[in-house]
Structure formats: C-alpha cells, structure tokens
C-alpha cells in the first residue's frame, strides 16, 4: 500500500480532513493550502488518476462525481454568488496528486484569464 495517494488515505480516514460533503461516491474536503476564501477538493471514492481517465468510465459513475461536486458547492452555500471548478491534469496542468480531483473556489470574485 506504499503507492497510495494522500487522497486514498483521506478516504479511508487514515489522515484527517475537514470534510464538507460526503456520500457513497464522493468526498469533499477543505484544501490545506487554500487559494480562495473557500477552496474545497472533491474526489471520487473510486480512484482515477486524472481527467484523462473519464473517457474510460461509465456515464453513471461520472454523473455521480459531477453531482457530488454540485452538491458540495451547494453545501458550501456557493450557489447564489457563483464559484469556479478546476481540474488540473498532468504535469503541464500542475496536477500534483495522481488522483482526479476537482477544486471548488469561491467566496470572492474570480479573475480571468484563469491561468
């Protein structure tokens, strides 16, 4: 199990996290290095390495993941003022953990361009 990512350990509750939403398919928790007043990571409980893996997953599983992201944002009270969802993919995309995760940024006006 030495190749487990930090996210797998968080799912198993081996590492504490400030959980904001959880259901049978996803886990959402506060980022330990927030880049916005609200910065939450949402991960599926079934591992995928990156956004590239979505094409090989069932629509049902991906639907659960997308719904989980939306539900986490609602739980955070972000629906009225809006928020940003970001997927970093691969080294050029600055993905630092080899496990797909969505960043939810909120609580302030977002800037554009994003990158």
PDB file of N, CA and C in Angstrom:
ATOM      1  N   UNK A   1       0.801  -1.195   0.000  1.00  0.00           N
ATOM      2  CA  UNK A   1       0.000   0.000   0.000  1.00  0.00           C
ATOM      3  C   UNK A   1       0.850   1.269   0.000  1.00  0.00           C
ATOM      4  N   UNK A   2       2.131   1.151  -0.180  1.00  0.00           N
ATOM      5  CA  UNK A   2       3.019   2.286  -0.176  1.00  0.00           C
ATOM      6  C   UNK A   2       2.757   3.260  -1.316  1.00  0.00           C
ATOM      7  N   UNK A   3       2.054   2.826  -2.366  1.00  0.00           N
ATOM      8  CA  UNK A   3       1.786   3.710  -3.501  1.00  0.00           C
ATOM      9  C   UNK A   3       0.467   4.459  -3.364  1.00  0.00           C
ATOM     10  N   UNK A   4      -0.211   4.294  -2.237  1.00  0.00           N
ATOM     11  CA  UNK A   4      -1.454   5.030  -2.024  1.00  0.00           C
ATOM     12  C   UNK A   4      -1.193   6.530  -2.023  1.00  0.00           C
ATOM     13  N   UNK A   5      -2.116   7.262  -2.590  1.00  0.00           N
ATOM     14  CA  UNK A   5      -2.016   8.716  -2.546  1.00  0.00           C
ATOM     15  C   UNK A   5      -2.602   9.227  -1.236  1.00  0.00           C
ATOM     16  N   UNK A   6      -2.337  10.478  -0.957  1.00  0.00           N
ATOM     17  CA  UNK A   6      -2.900  11.104   0.234  1.00  0.00           C
ATOM     18  C   UNK A   6      -4.426  11.052   0.188  1.00  0.00           C
ATOM     19  N   UNK A   7      -5.003  11.140  -1.004  1.00  0.00           N
ATOM     20  CA  UNK A   7      -6.460  11.110  -1.120  1.00  0.00           C
ATOM     21  C   UNK A   7      -7.036   9.757  -0.725  1.00  0.00           C
ATOM     22  N   UNK A   8      -6.367   8.683  -1.091  1.00  0.00           N
ATOM     23  CA  UNK A   8      -6.841   7.354  -0.697  1.00  0.00           C
ATOM     24  C   UNK A   8      -6.793   7.204   0.827  1.00  0.00           C
ATOM     25  N   UNK A   9      -5.772   7.768   1.432  1.00  0.00           N
ATOM     26  CA  UNK A   9      -5.667   7.727   2.894  1.00  0.00           C
ATOM     27  C   UNK A   9      -6.743   8.585   3.550  1.00  0.00           C
ATOM     28  N   UNK A  10      -7.097   9.693   2.938  1.00  0.00           N
ATOM     29  CA  UNK A  10      -8.183  10.529   3.461  1.00  0.00           C
ATOM     30  C   UNK A  10      -9.510   9.787   3.342  1.00  0.00           C
ATOM     31  N   UNK A  11      -9.754   9.136   2.215  1.00  0.00           N
ATOM     32  CA  UNK A  11     -10.992   8.358   2.037  1.00  0.00           C
ATOM     33  C   UNK A  11     -11.123   7.309   3.133  1.00  0.00           C
ATOM     34  N   UNK A  12     -10.022   6.636   3.461  1.00  0.00           N
ATOM     35  CA  UNK A  12     -10.038   5.580   4.493  1.00  0.00           C
ATOM     36  C   UNK A  12      -9.989   6.154   5.910  1.00  0.00           C
ATOM     37  N   UNK A  13      -9.944   7.480   6.016  1.00  0.00           N
ATOM     38  CA  UNK A  13      -9.899   8.189   7.308  1.00  0.00           C
ATOM     39  C   UNK A  13      -8.611   7.906   8.079  1.00  0.00           C
ATOM     40  N   UNK A  14      -7.545   7.587   7.357  1.00  0.00           N
ATOM     41  CA  UNK A  14      -6.230   7.403   7.970  1.00  0.00           C
ATOM     42  C   UNK A  14      -5.535   8.737   8.187  1.00  0.00           C
ATOM     43  N   UNK A  15      -5.931   9.723   7.403  1.00  0.00           N
ATOM     44  CA  UNK A  15      -5.425  11.090   7.526  1.00  0.00           C
ATOM     45  C   UNK A  15      -6.648  11.976   7.737  1.00  0.00           C
ATOM     46  N   UNK A  16      -6.613  12.841   8.750  1.00  0.00           N
ATOM     47  CA  UNK A  16      -7.789  13.698   8.977  1.00  0.00           C
ATOM     48  C   UNK A  16      -7.946  14.744   7.885  1.00  0.00           C
ATOM     49  N   UNK A  17      -9.191  15.102   7.656  1.00  0.00           N
ATOM     50  CA  UNK A  17      -9.520  16.149   6.693  1.00  0.00           C
ATOM     51  C   UNK A  17     -10.777  16.853   7.184  1.00  0.00           C
ATOM     52  N   UNK A  18     -10.892  18.125   6.840  1.00  0.00           N
ATOM     53  CA  UNK A  18     -12.089  18.898   7.176  1.00  0.00           C
ATOM     54  C   UNK A  18     -13.133  18.618   6.093  1.00  0.00           C
ATOM     55  N   UNK A  19     -13.927  17.602   6.306  1.00  0.00           N
ATOM     56  CA  UNK A  19     -14.904  17.144   5.317  1.00  0.00           C
ATOM     57  C   UNK A  19     -16.101  18.085   5.300  1.00  0.00           C
ATOM     58  N   UNK A  20     -16.480  18.512   4.092  1.00  0.00           N
ATOM     59  CA  UNK A  20     -17.640  19.391   3.941  1.00  0.00           C
ATOM     60  C   UNK A  20     -18.816  18.679   3.290  1.00  0.00           C
ATOM     61  N   UNK A  21     -18.557  17.573   2.597  1.00  0.00           N
ATOM     62  CA  UNK A  21     -19.623  16.789   1.979  1.00  0.00           C
ATOM     63  C   UNK A  21     -19.096  15.378   1.728  1.00  0.00           C
ATOM     64  N   UNK A  22     -19.954  14.394   1.964  1.00  0.00           N
ATOM     65  CA  UNK A  22     -19.588  13.008   1.663  1.00  0.00           C
ATOM     66  C   UNK A  22     -20.850  12.230   1.363  1.00  0.00           C
ATOM     67  N   UNK A  23     -20.756  11.376   0.354  1.00  0.00           N
ATOM     68  CA  UNK A  23     -21.799  10.388   0.098  1.00  0.00           C
ATOM     69  C   UNK A  23     -21.098   9.102  -0.324  1.00  0.00           C
ATOM     70  N   UNK A  24     -21.827   8.147  -0.825  1.00  0.00           N
ATOM     71  CA  UNK A  24     -21.215   6.853  -1.162  1.00  0.00           C
ATOM     72  C   UNK A  24     -20.245   6.916  -2.339  1.00  0.00           C
ATOM     73  N   UNK A  25     -20.315   8.001  -3.128  1.00  0.00           N
ATOM     74  CA  UNK A  25     -19.497   8.097  -4.335  1.00  0.00           C
ATOM     75  C   UNK A  25     -18.356   9.104  -4.258  1.00  0.00           C
ATOM     76  N   UNK A  26     -18.514  10.171  -3.466  1.00  0.00           N
ATOM     77  CA  UNK A  26     -17.526  11.247  -3.435  1.00  0.00           C
ATOM     78  C   UNK A  26     -17.232  11.705  -2.015  1.00  0.00           C
ATOM     79  N   UNK A  27     -16.104  12.383  -1.900  1.00  0.00           N
ATOM     80  CA  UNK A  27     -15.700  13.006  -0.645  1.00  0.00           C
ATOM     81  C   UNK A  27     -15.203  14.407  -0.992  1.00  0.00           C
ATOM     82  N   UNK A  28     -15.673  15.411  -0.251  1.00  0.00           N
ATOM     83  CA  UNK A  28     -15.253  16.794  -0.449  1.00  0.00           C
ATOM     84  C   UNK A  28     -14.694  17.316   0.864  1.00  0.00           C
ATOM     85  N   UNK A  29     -13.516  17.946   0.771  1.00  0.00           N
ATOM     86  CA  UNK A  29     -12.858  18.422   1.985  1.00  0.00           C
ATOM     87  C   UNK A  29     -12.075  19.694   1.679  1.00  0.00           C
ATOM     88  N   UNK A  30     -11.830  20.478   2.739  1.00  0.00           N
ATOM     89  CA  UNK A  30     -11.114  21.745   2.580  1.00  0.00           C
ATOM     90  C   UNK A  30      -9.665  21.496   2.186  1.00  0.00           C
ATOM     91  N   UNK A  31      -9.170  22.301   1.254  1.00  0.00           N
ATOM     92  CA  UNK A  31      -7.769  22.247   0.844  1.00  0.00           C
ATOM     93  C   UNK A  31      -6.900  22.794   1.979  1.00  0.00           C
ATOM     94  N   UNK A  32      -5.772  22.144   2.233  1.00  0.00           N
ATOM     95  CA  UNK A  32      -4.899  22.593   3.335  1.00  0.00           C
ATOM     96  C   UNK A  32      -4.075  23.821   2.963  1.00  0.00           C
ATOM     97  N   UNK A  33      -4.071  24.175   1.670  1.00  0.00           N
ATOM     98  CA  UNK A  33      -3.360  25.373   1.204  1.00  0.00           C
ATOM     99  C   UNK A  33      -4.326  26.181   0.330  1.00  0.00           C
ATOM    100  N   UNK A  34      -5.342  26.789   0.942  1.00  0.00           N
ATOM    101  CA  UNK A  34      -6.400  27.427   0.139  1.00  0.00           C
ATOM    102  C   UNK A  34      -5.908  28.583  -0.709  1.00  0.00           C
ATOM    103  N   UNK A  35      -6.455  28.642  -1.923  1.00  0.00           N
ATOM    104  CA  UNK A  35      -6.133  29.694  -2.878  1.00  0.00           C
ATOM    105  C   UNK A  35      -7.284  30.686  -3.033  1.00  0.00           C
ATOM    106  N   UNK A  36      -8.338  30.496  -2.246  1.00  0.00           N
ATOM    107  CA  UNK A  36      -9.504  31.381  -2.240  1.00  0.00           C
ATOM    108  C   UNK A  36     -10.125  31.262  -0.855  1.00  0.00           C
ATOM    109  N   UNK A  37     -11.002  32.189  -0.477  1.00  0.00           N
ATOM    110  CA  UNK A  37     -11.641  32.075   0.835  1.00  0.00           C
ATOM    111  C   UNK A  37     -12.316  30.718   1.054  1.00  0.00           C
ATOM    112  N   UNK A  38     -12.912  30.193  -0.002  1.00  0.00           N
ATOM    113  CA  UNK A  38     -13.431  28.817   0.025  1.00  0.00           C
ATOM    114  C   UNK A  38     -12.667  28.040  -1.030  1.00  0.00           C
ATOM    115  N   UNK A  39     -12.006  26.981  -0.615  1.00  0.00           N
ATOM    116  CA  UNK A  39     -11.240  26.130  -1.529  1.00  0.00           C
ATOM    117  C   UNK A  39     -11.402  24.695  -1.032  1.00  0.00           C
ATOM    118  N   UNK A  40     -12.169  23.944  -1.789  1.00  0.00           N
ATOM    119  CA  UNK A  40     -12.503  22.566  -1.427  1.00  0.00           C
ATOM    120  C   UNK A  40     -12.090  21.639  -2.565  1.00  0.00           C
ATOM    121  N   UNK A  41     -11.612  20.458  -2.209  1.00  0.00           N
ATOM    122  CA  UNK A  41     -11.301  19.421  -3.187  1.00  0.00           C
ATOM    123  C   UNK A  41     -12.411  18.378  -3.156  1.00  0.00           C
ATOM    124  N   UNK A  42     -12.811  17.916  -4.323  1.00  0.00           N
ATOM    125  CA  UNK A  42     -13.825  16.858  -4.418  1.00  0.00           C
ATOM    126  C   UNK A  42     -13.197  15.701  -5.175  1.00  0.00           C
ATOM    127  N   UNK A  43     -13.251  14.516  -4.564  1.00  0.00           N
ATOM    128  CA  UNK A  43     -12.653  13.328  -5.171  1.00  0.00           C
ATOM    129  C   UNK A  43     -13.682  12.211  -5.240  1.00  0.00           C
ATOM    130  N   UNK A  44     -13.611  11.396  -6.297  1.00  0.00           N
ATOM    131  CA  UNK A  44     -14.456  10.207  -6.319  1.00  0.00           C
ATOM    132  C   UNK A  44     -13.851   9.163  -5.387  1.00  0.00           C
ATOM    133  N   UNK A  45     -14.678   8.326  -4.822  1.00  0.00           N
ATOM    134  CA  UNK A  45     -14.152   7.289  -3.932  1.00  0.00           C
ATOM    135  C   UNK A  45     -13.530   6.133  -4.711  1.00  0.00           C
ATOM    136  N   UNK A  46     -13.822   6.057  -5.989  1.00  0.00           N
ATOM    137  CA  UNK A  46     -13.162   5.084  -6.862  1.00  0.00           C
ATOM    138  C   UNK A  46     -12.055   5.805  -7.612  1.00  0.00           C
ATOM    139  N   UNK A  47     -10.837   5.348  -7.449  1.00  0.00           N
ATOM    140  CA  UNK A  47      -9.669   6.058  -7.980  1.00  0.00           C
ATOM    141  C   UNK A  47      -9.659   6.151  -9.496  1.00  0.00           C
ATOM    142  N   UNK A  48      -9.330   7.340  -9.942  1.00  0.00           N
ATOM    143  CA  UNK A  48      -8.950   7.629 -11.312  1.00  0.00           C
ATOM    144  C   UNK A  48      -7.714   8.504 -11.195  1.00  0.00           C
ATOM    145  N   UNK A  49      -6.767   8.338 -12.076  1.00  0.00           N
ATOM    146  CA  UNK A  49      -5.528   9.106 -11.975  1.00  0.00           C
ATOM    147  C   UNK A  49      -5.738  10.557 -12.377  1.00  0.00           C
ATOM    148  N   UNK A  50      -6.440  10.791 -13.477  1.00  0.00           N
ATOM    149  CA  UNK A  50      -6.601  12.163 -13.949  1.00  0.00           C
ATOM    150  C   UNK A  50      -7.879  12.307 -14.758  1.00  0.00           C
ATOM    151  N   UNK A  51      -8.122  13.533 -15.201  1.00  0.00           N
ATOM    152  CA  UNK A  51      -9.284  13.822 -16.030  1.00  0.00           C
ATOM    153  C   UNK A  51      -9.266  12.976 -17.306  1.00  0.00           C
ATOM    154  N   UNK A  52      -8.093  12.585 -17.752  1.00  0.00           N
ATOM    155  CA  UNK A  52      -7.965  11.749 -18.953  1.00  0.00           C
ATOM    156  C   UNK A  52      -8.686  10.408 -18.808  1.00  0.00           C
ATOM    157  N   UNK A  53      -8.841   9.936 -17.567  1.00  0.00           N
ATOM    158  CA  UNK A  53      -9.488   8.644 -17.324  1.00  0.00           C
ATOM    159  C   UNK A  53     -11.005   8.683 -17.487  1.00  0.00           C
ATOM    160  N   UNK A  54     -11.583   9.870 -17.532  1.00  0.00           N
ATOM    161  CA  UNK A  54     -13.036   9.978 -17.613  1.00  0.00           C
ATOM    162  C   UNK A  54     -13.578   9.278 -18.851  1.00  0.00           C
ATOM    163  N   UNK A  55     -12.858   9.350 -19.949  1.00  0.00           N
ATOM    164  CA  UNK A  55     -13.353   8.757 -21.199  1.00  0.00           C
ATOM    165  C   UNK A  55     -13.539   7.247 -21.092  1.00  0.00           C
ATOM    166  N   UNK A  56     -12.879   6.616 -20.128  1.00  0.00           N
ATOM    167  CA  UNK A  56     -12.966   5.169 -19.957  1.00  0.00           C
ATOM    168  C   UNK A  56     -13.927   4.752 -18.849  1.00  0.00           C
ATOM    169  N   UNK A  57     -14.606   5.698 -18.241  1.00  0.00           N
ATOM    170  CA  UNK A  57     -15.529   5.413 -17.136  1.00  0.00           C
ATOM    171  C   UNK A  57     -16.971   5.508 -17.610  1.00  0.00           C
ATOM    172  N   UNK A  58     -17.839   4.856 -16.884  1.00  0.00           N
ATOM    173  CA  UNK A  58     -19.251   4.884 -17.260  1.00  0.00           C
ATOM    174  C   UNK A  58     -19.843   6.270 -17.024  1.00  0.00           C
ATOM    175  N   UNK A  59     -20.830   6.576 -17.830  1.00  0.00           N
ATOM    176  CA  UNK A  59     -21.541   7.838 -17.670  1.00  0.00           C
ATOM    177  C   UNK A  59     -22.165   7.906 -16.286  1.00  0.00           C
ATOM    178  N   UNK A  60     -22.647   6.798 -15.774  1.00  0.00           N
ATOM    179  CA  UNK A  60     -23.263   6.763 -14.448  1.00  0.00           C
ATOM    180  C   UNK A  60     -22.246   7.152 -13.363  1.00  0.00           C
ATOM    181  N   UNK A  61     -21.057   6.573 -13.420  1.00  0.00           N
ATOM    182  CA  UNK A  61     -20.033   6.894 -12.412  1.00  0.00           C
ATOM    183  C   UNK A  61     -19.610   8.351 -12.511  1.00  0.00           C
ATOM    184  N   UNK A  62     -19.454   8.847 -13.720  1.00  0.00           N
ATOM    185  CA  UNK A  62     -19.044  10.239 -13.883  1.00  0.00           C
ATOM    186  C   UNK A  62     -20.170  11.181 -13.477  1.00  0.00           C
ATOM    187  N   UNK A  63     -21.401  10.756 -13.700  1.00  0.00           N
ATOM    188  CA  UNK A  63     -22.540  11.551 -13.253  1.00  0.00           C
ATOM    189  C   UNK A  63     -22.565  11.688 -11.741  1.00  0.00           C
ATOM    190  N   UNK A  64     -22.254  10.598 -11.036  1.00  0.00           N
ATOM    191  CA  UNK A  64     -22.178  10.664  -9.571  1.00  0.00           C
ATOM    192  C   UNK A  64     -21.104  11.648  -9.128  1.00  0.00           C
ATOM    193  N   UNK A  65     -19.968  11.634  -9.825  1.00  0.00           N
ATOM    194  CA  UNK A  65     -18.875  12.549  -9.478  1.00  0.00           C
ATOM    195  C   UNK A  65     -19.311  14.003  -9.703  1.00  0.00           C
ATOM    196  N   UNK A  66     -19.897  14.280 -10.868  1.00  0.00           N
ATOM    197  CA  UNK A  66     -20.336  15.648 -11.170  1.00  0.00           C
ATOM    198  C   UNK A  66     -21.416  16.105 -10.187  1.00  0.00           C
ATOM    199  N   UNK A  67     -22.359  15.224  -9.871  1.00  0.00           N
ATOM    200  CA  UNK A  67     -23.389  15.579  -8.898  1.00  0.00           C
ATOM    201  C   UNK A  67     -22.769  15.853  -7.526  1.00  0.00           C
ATOM    202  N   UNK A  68     -21.762  15.082  -7.169  1.00  0.00           N
ATOM    203  CA  UNK A  68     -21.086  15.304  -5.893  1.00  0.00           C
ATOM    204  C   UNK A  68     -20.422  16.668  -5.825  1.00  0.00           C
ATOM    205  N   UNK A  69     -19.831  17.100  -6.933  1.00  0.00           N
ATOM    206  CA  UNK A  69     -19.217  18.420  -6.990  1.00  0.00           C
ATOM    207  C   UNK A  69     -20.297  19.492  -6.795  1.00  0.00           C
ATOM    208  N   UNK A  70     -21.414  19.339  -7.487  1.00  0.00           N
ATOM    209  CA  UNK A  70     -22.515  20.288  -7.372  1.00  0.00           C
ATOM    210  C   UNK A  70     -23.097  20.301  -5.959  1.00  0.00           C
ATOM    211  N   UNK A  71     -23.240  19.142  -5.364  1.00  0.00           N
ATOM    212  CA  UNK A  71     -23.789  19.064  -4.003  1.00  0.00           C
ATOM    213  C   UNK A  71     -22.840  19.678  -2.981  1.00  0.00           C
ATOM    214  N   UNK A  72     -21.543  19.475  -3.175  1.00  0.00           N
ATOM    215  CA  UNK A  72     -20.565  20.084  -2.263  1.00  0.00           C
ATOM    216  C   UNK A  72     -20.646  21.601  -2.356  1.00  0.00           C
ATOM    217  N   UNK A  73     -20.746  22.137  -3.575  1.00  0.00           N
ATOM    218  CA  UNK A  73     -20.862  23.592  -3.753  1.00  0.00           C
ATOM    219  C   UNK A  73     -22.127  24.115  -3.083  1.00  0.00           C
ATOM    220  N   UNK A  74     -23.213  23.377  -3.193  1.00  0.00           N
ATOM    221  CA  UNK A  74     -24.462  23.780  -2.540  1.00  0.00           C
ATOM    222  C   UNK A  74     -24.302  23.755  -1.027  1.00  0.00           C
ATOM    223  N   UNK A  75     -23.667  22.721  -0.521  1.00  0.00           N
ATOM    224  CA  UNK A  75     -23.431  22.603   0.923  1.00  0.00           C
ATOM    225  C   UNK A  75     -22.598  23.780   1.440  1.00  0.00           C
ATOM    226  N   UNK A  76     -21.719  24.284   0.603  1.00  0.00           N
ATOM    227  CA  UNK A  76     -20.870  25.420   0.964  1.00  0.00           C
ATOM    228  C   UNK A  76     -21.582  26.767   0.808  1.00  0.00           C
ATOM    229  N   UNK A  77     -22.812  26.754   0.290  1.00  0.00           N
ATOM    230  CA  UNK A  77     -23.580  27.977   0.122  1.00  0.00           C
ATOM    231  C   UNK A  77     -23.116  28.843  -1.032  1.00  0.00           C
ATOM    232  N   UNK A  78     -22.557  28.214  -2.063  1.00  0.00           N
ATOM    233  CA  UNK A  78     -21.975  28.971  -3.167  1.00  0.00           C
ATOM    234  C   UNK A  78     -22.919  29.201  -4.341  1.00  0.00           C
ATOM    235  N   UNK A  79     -24.100  28.657  -4.291  1.00  0.00           N
ATOM    236  CA  UNK A  79     -24.970  28.716  -5.464  1.00  0.00           C
ATOM    237  C   UNK A  79     -25.423  30.127  -5.831  1.00  0.00           C
ATOM    238  N   UNK A  80     -25.611  31.010  -4.862  1.00  0.00           N
ATOM    239  CA  UNK A  80     -26.125  32.352  -5.163  1.00  0.00           C
ATOM    240  C   UNK A  80     -25.104  33.244  -5.862  1.00  0.00           C
ATOM    241  N   UNK A  81     -23.851  33.232  -5.401  1.00  0.00           N
ATOM    242  CA  UNK A  81     -22.845  34.140  -5.952  1.00  0.00           C
ATOM    243  C   UNK A  81     -21.935  33.500  -6.975  1.00  0.00           C
ATOM    244  N   UNK A  82     -21.957  32.197  -7.101  1.00  0.00           N
ATOM    245  CA  UNK A  82     -21.138  31.512  -8.082  1.00  0.00           C
ATOM    246  C   UNK A  82     -19.808  31.028  -7.527  1.00  0.00           C
ATOM    247  N   UNK A  83     -19.115  30.268  -8.339  1.00  0.00           N
ATOM    248  CA  UNK A  83     -17.865  29.635  -7.943  1.00  0.00           C
ATOM    249  C   UNK A  83     -17.162  29.128  -9.186  1.00  0.00           C
ATOM    250  N   UNK A  84     -15.953  28.675  -9.012  1.00  0.00           N
ATOM    251  CA  UNK A  84     -15.171  28.125 -10.115  1.00  0.00           C
ATOM    252  C   UNK A  84     -14.819  26.681  -9.787  1.00  0.00           C
ATOM    253  N   UNK A  85     -14.870  25.821 -10.796  1.00  0.00           N
ATOM    254  CA  UNK A  85     -14.446  24.422 -10.671  1.00  0.00           C
ATOM    255  C   UNK A  85     -13.241  24.241 -11.578  1.00  0.00           C
ATOM    256  N   UNK A  86     -12.176  23.668 -11.022  1.00  0.00           N
ATOM    257  CA  UNK A  86     -10.941  23.485 -11.775  1.00  0.00           C
ATOM    258  C   UNK A  86     -10.478  22.035 -11.655  1.00  0.00           C
ATOM    259  N   UNK A  87     -10.088  21.463 -12.791  1.00  0.00           N
ATOM    260  CA  UNK A  87      -9.417  20.163 -12.837  1.00  0.00           C
ATOM    261  C   UNK A  87      -8.013  20.412 -13.375  1.00  0.00           C
ATOM    262  N   UNK A  88      -6.985  20.125 -12.599  1.00  0.00           N
ATOM    263  CA  UNK A  88      -5.609  20.178 -13.092  1.00  0.00           C
ATOM    264  C   UNK A  88      -5.268  18.784 -13.602  1.00  0.00           C
ATOM    265  N   UNK A  89      -4.713  18.717 -14.806  1.00  0.00           N
ATOM    266  CA  UNK A  89      -4.437  17.416 -15.412  1.00  0.00           C
ATOM    267  C   UNK A  89      -3.014  17.368 -15.935  1.00  0.00           C
ATOM    268  N   UNK A  90      -2.248  16.391 -15.473  1.00  0.00           N
ATOM    269  CA  UNK A  90      -0.885  16.183 -15.928  1.00  0.00           C
ATOM    270  C   UNK A  90       0.085  17.229 -15.413  1.00  0.00           C
ATOM    271  N   UNK A  91       1.349  17.048 -15.749  1.00  0.00           N
ATOM    272  CA  UNK A  91       2.389  17.934 -15.227  1.00  0.00           C
ATOM    273  C   UNK A  91       2.252  19.369 -15.750  1.00  0.00           C
ATOM    274  N   UNK A  92       1.919  19.543 -17.027  1.00  0.00           N
ATOM    275  CA  UNK A  92       1.744  20.891 -17.550  1.00  0.00           C
ATOM    276  C   UNK A  92       0.528  21.587 -16.928  1.00  0.00           C
ATOM    277  N   UNK A  93      -0.451  20.789 -16.507  1.00  0.00           N
ATOM    278  CA  UNK A  93      -1.640  21.340 -15.874  1.00  0.00           C
ATOM    279  C   UNK A  93      -1.485  21.518 -14.373  1.00  0.00           C
ATOM    280  N   UNK A  94      -0.272  21.243 -13.847  1.00  0.00           N
ATOM    281  CA  UNK A  94       0.047  21.402 -12.422  1.00  0.00           C
ATOM    282  C   UNK A  94      -0.704  20.431 -11.521  1.00  0.00           C
ATOM    283  N   UNK A  95      -1.024  19.222 -12.030  1.00  0.00           N
ATOM    284  CA  UNK A  95      -1.635  18.203 -11.181  1.00  0.00           C
ATOM    285  C   UNK A  95      -0.547  17.652 -10.264  1.00  0.00           C
ATOM    286  N   UNK A  96      -0.726  17.788  -8.955  1.00  0.00           N
ATOM    287  CA  UNK A  96       0.312  17.388  -8.000  1.00  0.00           C
ATOM    288  C   UNK A  96       0.037  16.056  -7.324  1.00  0.00           C
ATOM    289  N   UNK A  97      -1.210  15.590  -7.369  1.00  0.00           N
ATOM    290  CA  UNK A  97      -1.557  14.289  -6.792  1.00  0.00           C
ATOM    291  C   UNK A  97      -2.125  13.447  -7.926  1.00  0.00           C
ATOM    292  N   UNK A  98      -1.587  12.239  -8.148  1.00  0.00           N
ATOM    293  CA  UNK A  98      -2.072  11.401  -9.243  1.00  0.00           C
ATOM    294  C   UNK A  98      -3.406  10.719  -8.905  1.00  0.00           C
ATOM    295  N   UNK A  99      -4.403  11.536  -8.697  1.00  0.00           N
ATOM    296  CA  UNK A  99      -5.763  11.095  -8.366  1.00  0.00           C
ATOM    297  C   UNK A  99      -6.664  12.244  -8.794  1.00  0.00           C
ATOM    298  N   UNK A 100      -7.643  11.958  -9.638  1.00  0.00           N
ATOM    299  CA  UNK A 100      -8.503  13.038 -10.130  1.00  0.00           C
ATOM    300  C   UNK A 100      -9.144  13.770  -8.959  1.00  0.00           C
ATOM    301  N   UNK A 101      -9.178  15.082  -9.070  1.00  0.00           N
ATOM    302  CA  UNK A 101      -9.845  15.892  -8.051  1.00  0.00           C
ATOM    303  C   UNK A 101     -10.257  17.221  -8.655  1.00  0.00           C
ATOM    304  N   UNK A 102     -11.431  17.667  -8.240  1.00  0.00           N
ATOM    305  CA  UNK A 102     -11.948  18.960  -8.666  1.00  0.00           C
ATOM    306  C   UNK A 102     -11.693  19.948  -7.544  1.00  0.00           C
ATOM    307  N   UNK A 103     -11.217  21.119  -7.906  1.00  0.00           N
ATOM    308  CA  UNK A 103     -11.075  22.216  -6.956  1.00  0.00           C
ATOM    309  C   UNK A 103     -12.326  23.081  -7.086  1.00  0.00           C
ATOM    310  N   UNK A 104     -12.959  23.390  -5.975  1.00  0.00           N
ATOM    311  CA  UNK A 104     -14.040  24.374  -5.957  1.00  0.00           C
ATOM    312  C   UNK A 104     -13.477  25.612  -5.286  1.00  0.00           C
ATOM    313  N   UNK A 105     -13.465  26.726  -6.032  1.00  0.00           N
ATOM    314  CA  UNK A 105     -13.034  28.021  -5.493  1.00  0.00           C
ATOM    315  C   UNK A 105     -14.265  28.897  -5.356  1.00  0.00           C
ATOM    316  N   UNK A 106     -14.367  29.596  -4.241  1.00  0.00           N
ATOM    317  CA  UNK A 106     -15.480  30.507  -4.052  1.00  0.00           C
ATOM    318  C   UNK A 106     -15.186  31.512  -2.956  1.00  0.00           C
ATOM    319  N   UNK A 107     -16.183  32.332  -2.701  1.00  0.00           N
ATOM    320  CA  UNK A 107     -16.067  33.305  -1.630  1.00  0.00           C
ATOM    321  C   UNK A 107     -15.438  34.629  -2.035  1.00  0.00           C
ATOM    322  N   UNK A 108     -15.158  34.798  -3.331  1.00  0.00           N
ATOM    323  CA  UNK A 108     -14.627  36.060  -3.843  1.00  0.00           C
ATOM    324  C   UNK A 108     -14.879  36.103  -5.349  1.00  0.00           C
ATOM    325  N   UNK A 109     -14.677  37.276  -5.927  1.00  0.00           N
ATOM    326  CA  UNK A 109     -14.767  37.427  -7.375  1.00  0.00           C
ATOM    327  C   UNK A 109     -13.575  36.722  -8.010  1.00  0.00           C
ATOM    328  N   UNK A 110     -13.822  35.865  -8.974  1.00  0.00           N
ATOM    329  CA  UNK A 110     -12.753  35.180  -9.686  1.00  0.00           C
ATOM    330  C   UNK A 110     -12.206  36.085 -10.786  1.00  0.00           C
ATOM    331  N   UNK A 111     -10.937  35.934 -11.083  1.00  0.00           N
ATOM    332  CA  UNK A 111     -10.296  36.716 -12.145  1.00  0.00           C
ATOM    333  C   UNK A 111     -10.238  35.919 -13.434  1.00  0.00           C
ATOM    334  N   UNK A 112     -10.051  36.626 -14.556  1.00  0.00           N
ATOM    335  CA  UNK A 112      -9.903  35.978 -15.859  1.00  0.00           C
ATOM    336  C   UNK A 112      -8.873  36.744 -16.655  1.00  0.00           C
ATOM    337  N   UNK A 113      -7.961  36.116 -17.347  1.00  0.00           N
ATOM    338  CA  UNK A 113      -7.897  34.671 -17.543  1.00  0.00           C
ATOM    339  C   UNK A 113      -7.412  33.940 -16.278  1.00  0.00           C
ATOM    340  N   UNK A 114      -7.845  32.694 -16.191  1.00  0.00           N
ATOM    341  CA  UNK A 114      -7.578  31.894 -15.001  1.00  0.00           C
ATOM    342  C   UNK A 114      -6.117  31.476 -14.900  1.00  0.00           C
ATOM    343  N   UNK A 115      -5.486  31.134 -16.004  1.00  0.00           N
ATOM    344  CA  UNK A 115      -4.168  30.535 -15.949  1.00  0.00           C
ATOM    345  C   UNK A 115      -3.069  31.486 -16.186  1.00  0.00           C
TER     346      UNK A 115
END
